[in-house]
Each structure stands twice: as structure tokens, then as C-alpha cells.
Amino acid sequence: MILDGLSLGAKERDLELIRYKNMKIERQKYVSPKSEAWHGPC
């Protein structure tokens, strides 16, 4: 029971990490080095 709860919490943490990584990737798509240089630093 306790182990199941811990593994479930770990899975949730992994999902949060995956979401965070995906957000970073999405931002990099929109704000690529080329577009940053073109628009200037914001």
C-alpha cells in the first residue's frame, strides 16, 4: 500500500518533469536563436 503510494507519487513527479521539459521545448521552438537575434533580446 505504502509502496504503491510512493510509486504513484514518483509517476506524478515524472509527469511534471515531462510537462516541464515539453514546455521548454515548445518555448525553444518559438524562441529559436535565429528569431532571438532577429527580434533582439527581450
PDB file of N, CA and C in Angstrom:
ATOM      1  N   MET A   1       0.844  -1.201   0.000  1.00  0.00           N
ATOM      2  CA  MET A   1       0.000   0.000   0.000  1.00  0.00           C
ATOM      3  C   MET A   1       0.884   1.258   0.000  1.00  0.00           C
ATOM      4  N   ILE A   2       1.815   1.316   0.965  1.00  0.00           N
ATOM      5  CA  ILE A   2       2.697   2.486   1.061  1.00  0.00           C
ATOM      6  C   ILE A   2       3.578   2.570  -0.191  1.00  0.00           C
ATOM      7  N   LEU A   3       4.102   1.400  -0.619  1.00  0.00           N
ATOM      8  CA  LEU A   3       4.951   1.385  -1.809  1.00  0.00           C
ATOM      9  C   LEU A   3       4.172   1.871  -3.029  1.00  0.00           C
ATOM     10  N   ASP A   4       2.912   1.442  -3.134  1.00  0.00           N
ATOM     11  CA  ASP A   4       2.082   1.871  -4.259  1.00  0.00           C
ATOM     12  C   ASP A   4       1.923   3.390  -4.252  1.00  0.00           C
ATOM     13  N   GLY A   5       1.689   3.960  -3.062  1.00  0.00           N
ATOM     14  CA  GLY A   5       1.539   5.406  -2.941  1.00  0.00           C
ATOM     15  C   GLY A   5       2.813   6.123  -3.346  1.00  0.00           C
ATOM     16  N   LEU A   6       3.960   5.580  -2.925  1.00  0.00           N
ATOM     17  CA  LEU A   6       5.237   6.205  -3.260  1.00  0.00           C
ATOM     18  C   LEU A   6       5.495   6.152  -4.759  1.00  0.00           C
ATOM     19  N   SER A   7       5.235   4.988  -5.370  1.00  0.00           N
ATOM     20  CA  SER A   7       5.469   4.857  -6.809  1.00  0.00           C
ATOM     21  C   SER A   7       4.515   5.755  -7.587  1.00  0.00           C
ATOM     22  N   LEU A   8       3.280   5.898  -7.072  1.00  0.00           N
ATOM     23  CA  LEU A   8       2.309   6.774  -7.719  1.00  0.00           C
ATOM     24  C   LEU A   8       2.801   8.218  -7.660  1.00  0.00           C
ATOM     25  N   GLY A   9       3.336   8.619  -6.496  1.00  0.00           N
ATOM     26  CA  GLY A   9       3.883   9.960  -6.349  1.00  0.00           C
ATOM     27  C   GLY A   9       5.055  10.176  -7.295  1.00  0.00           C
ATOM     28  N   ALA A  10       5.904   9.146  -7.439  1.00  0.00           N
ATOM     29  CA  ALA A  10       7.052   9.241  -8.333  1.00  0.00           C
ATOM     30  C   ALA A  10       6.579   9.418  -9.774  1.00  0.00           C
ATOM     31  N   LYS A  11       5.521   8.689 -10.142  1.00  0.00           N
ATOM     32  CA  LYS A  11       4.982   8.803 -11.504  1.00  0.00           C
ATOM     33  C   LYS A  11       4.473  10.222 -11.745  1.00  0.00           C
ATOM     34  N   GLU A  12       3.784  10.780 -10.746  1.00  0.00           N
ATOM     35  CA  GLU A  12       3.266  12.143 -10.867  1.00  0.00           C
ATOM     36  C   GLU A  12       4.413  13.122 -11.035  1.00  0.00           C
ATOM     37  N   ARG A  13       5.491  12.906 -10.252  1.00  0.00           N
ATOM     38  CA  ARG A  13       6.660  13.781 -10.356  1.00  0.00           C
ATOM     39  C   ARG A  13       7.275  13.662 -11.750  1.00  0.00           C
ATOM     40  N   ASP A  14       7.355  12.439 -12.266  1.00  0.00           N
ATOM     41  CA  ASP A  14       7.898  12.225 -13.607  1.00  0.00           C
ATOM     42  C   ASP A  14       7.052  12.958 -14.636  1.00  0.00           C
ATOM     43  N   LEU A  15       5.720  12.897 -14.481  1.00  0.00           N
ATOM     44  CA  LEU A  15       4.825  13.581 -15.416  1.00  0.00           C
ATOM     45  C   LEU A  15       5.061  15.083 -15.372  1.00  0.00           C
ATOM     46  N   GLU A  16       5.264  15.628 -14.168  1.00  0.00           N
ATOM     47  CA  GLU A  16       5.530  17.064 -14.030  1.00  0.00           C
ATOM     48  C   GLU A  16       6.831  17.417 -14.740  1.00  0.00           C
ATOM     49  N   LEU A  17       7.858  16.565 -14.580  1.00  0.00           N
ATOM     50  CA  LEU A  17       9.140  16.804 -15.243  1.00  0.00           C
ATOM     51  C   LEU A  17       8.972  16.770 -16.755  1.00  0.00           C
ATOM     52  N   ILE A  18       8.202  15.790 -17.247  1.00  0.00           N
ATOM     53  CA  ILE A  18       7.968  15.660 -18.687  1.00  0.00           C
ATOM     54  C   ILE A  18       7.252  16.906 -19.204  1.00  0.00           C
ATOM     55  N   ARG A  19       6.233  17.357 -18.451  1.00  0.00           N
ATOM     56  CA  ARG A  19       5.491  18.558 -18.851  1.00  0.00           C
ATOM     57  C   ARG A  19       6.415  19.762 -18.899  1.00  0.00           C
ATOM     58  N   TYR A  20       7.294  19.878 -17.888  1.00  0.00           N
ATOM     59  CA  TYR A  20       8.227  20.998 -17.812  1.00  0.00           C
ATOM     60  C   TYR A  20       9.180  20.967 -19.000  1.00  0.00           C
ATOM     61  N   LYS A  21       9.688  19.768 -19.327  1.00  0.00           N
ATOM     62  CA  LYS A  21      10.593  19.615 -20.467  1.00  0.00           C
ATOM     63  C   LYS A  21       9.878  19.971 -21.759  1.00  0.00           C
ATOM     64  N   ASN A  22       8.628  19.503 -21.904  1.00  0.00           N
ATOM     65  CA  ASN A  22       7.859  19.802 -23.108  1.00  0.00           C
ATOM     66  C   ASN A  22       7.638  21.301 -23.247  1.00  0.00           C
ATOM     67  N   MET A  23       7.360  21.984 -22.132  1.00  0.00           N
ATOM     68  CA  MET A  23       7.181  23.434 -22.151  1.00  0.00           C
ATOM     69  C   MET A  23       8.455  24.109 -22.618  1.00  0.00           C
ATOM     70  N   LYS A  24       9.594  23.650 -22.112  1.00  0.00           N
ATOM     71  CA  LYS A  24      10.886  24.210 -22.509  1.00  0.00           C
ATOM     72  C   LYS A  24      11.093  24.019 -24.007  1.00  0.00           C
ATOM     73  N   ILE A  25      10.798  22.812 -24.517  1.00  0.00           N
ATOM     74  CA  ILE A  25      10.967  22.506 -25.937  1.00  0.00           C
ATOM     75  C   ILE A  25      10.066  23.414 -26.769  1.00  0.00           C
ATOM     76  N   GLU A  26       8.810  23.588 -26.333  1.00  0.00           N
ATOM     77  CA  GLU A  26       7.872  24.445 -27.063  1.00  0.00           C
ATOM     78  C   GLU A  26       8.399  25.869 -27.123  1.00  0.00           C
ATOM     79  N   ARG A  27       8.939  26.356 -26.009  1.00  0.00           N
ATOM     80  CA  ARG A  27       9.479  27.718 -25.978  1.00  0.00           C
ATOM     81  C   ARG A  27      10.655  27.832 -26.931  1.00  0.00           C
ATOM     82  N   GLN A  28      11.504  26.810 -26.950  1.00  0.00           N
ATOM     83  CA  GLN A  28      12.672  26.835 -27.831  1.00  0.00           C
ATOM     84  C   GLN A  28      12.237  26.860 -29.289  1.00  0.00           C
ATOM     85  N   LYS A  29      11.115  26.198 -29.601  1.00  0.00           N
ATOM     86  CA  LYS A  29      10.590  26.211 -30.969  1.00  0.00           C
ATOM     87  C   LYS A  29      10.208  27.633 -31.364  1.00  0.00           C
ATOM     88  N   TYR A  30       9.498  28.318 -30.440  1.00  0.00           N
ATOM     89  CA  TYR A  30       9.021  29.669 -30.736  1.00  0.00           C
ATOM     90  C   TYR A  30      10.159  30.685 -30.653  1.00  0.00           C
ATOM     91  N   VAL A  31      11.041  30.511 -29.657  1.00  0.00           N
ATOM     92  CA  VAL A  31      12.147  31.449 -29.464  1.00  0.00           C
ATOM     93  C   VAL A  31      13.454  30.732 -29.788  1.00  0.00           C
ATOM     94  N   SER A  32      13.708  30.571 -31.068  1.00  0.00           N
ATOM     95  CA  SER A  32      14.954  29.949 -31.501  1.00  0.00           C
ATOM     96  C   SER A  32      16.050  31.020 -31.537  1.00  0.00           C
ATOM     97  N   PRO A  33      17.316  30.641 -31.495  1.00  0.00           N
ATOM     98  CA  PRO A  33      18.415  31.617 -31.530  1.00  0.00           C
ATOM     99  C   PRO A  33      18.298  32.582 -32.703  1.00  0.00           C
ATOM    100  N   LYS A  34      17.865  32.086 -33.865  1.00  0.00           N
ATOM    101  CA  LYS A  34      17.740  32.934 -35.053  1.00  0.00           C
ATOM    102  C   LYS A  34      16.687  34.022 -34.831  1.00  0.00           C
ATOM    103  N   SER A  35      15.496  33.633 -34.365  1.00  0.00           N
ATOM    104  CA  SER A  35      14.428  34.609 -34.153  1.00  0.00           C
ATOM    105  C   SER A  35      14.821  35.576 -33.032  1.00  0.00           C
ATOM    106  N   GLU A  36      15.572  35.092 -32.033  1.00  0.00           N
ATOM    107  CA  GLU A  36      16.028  35.959 -30.948  1.00  0.00           C
ATOM    108  C   GLU A  36      16.950  37.038 -31.496  1.00  0.00           C
ATOM    109  N   ALA A  37      17.885  36.637 -32.354  1.00  0.00           N
ATOM    110  CA  ALA A  37      18.823  37.587 -32.947  1.00  0.00           C
ATOM    111  C   ALA A  37      18.072  38.565 -33.854  1.00  0.00           C
ATOM    112  N   TRP A  38      17.047  38.058 -34.544  1.00  0.00           N
ATOM    113  CA  TRP A  38      16.281  38.892 -35.472  1.00  0.00           C
ATOM    114  C   TRP A  38      15.484  39.950 -34.714  1.00  0.00           C
ATOM    115  N   HIS A  39      14.785  39.521 -33.635  1.00  0.00           N
ATOM    116  CA  HIS A  39      13.930  40.442 -32.879  1.00  0.00           C
ATOM    117  C   HIS A  39      14.720  41.219 -31.826  1.00  0.00           C
ATOM    118  N   GLY A  40      15.902  40.749 -31.503  1.00  0.00           N
ATOM    119  CA  GLY A  40      16.681  41.384 -30.447  1.00  0.00           C
ATOM    120  C   GLY A  40      16.312  40.797 -29.096  1.00  0.00           C
ATOM    121  N   PRO A  41      17.145  41.020 -28.088  1.00  0.00           N
ATOM    122  CA  PRO A  41      16.881  40.443 -26.760  1.00  0.00           C
ATOM    123  C   PRO A  41      15.632  41.039 -26.131  1.00  0.00           C
ATOM    124  N   CYS A  42      14.798  40.180 -25.556  1.00  0.00           N
ATOM    125  CA  CYS A  42      13.575  40.652 -24.905  1.00  0.00           C
ATOM    126  C   CYS A  42      13.663  40.347 -23.419  1.00  0.00           C
TER     127      CYS A  42
END
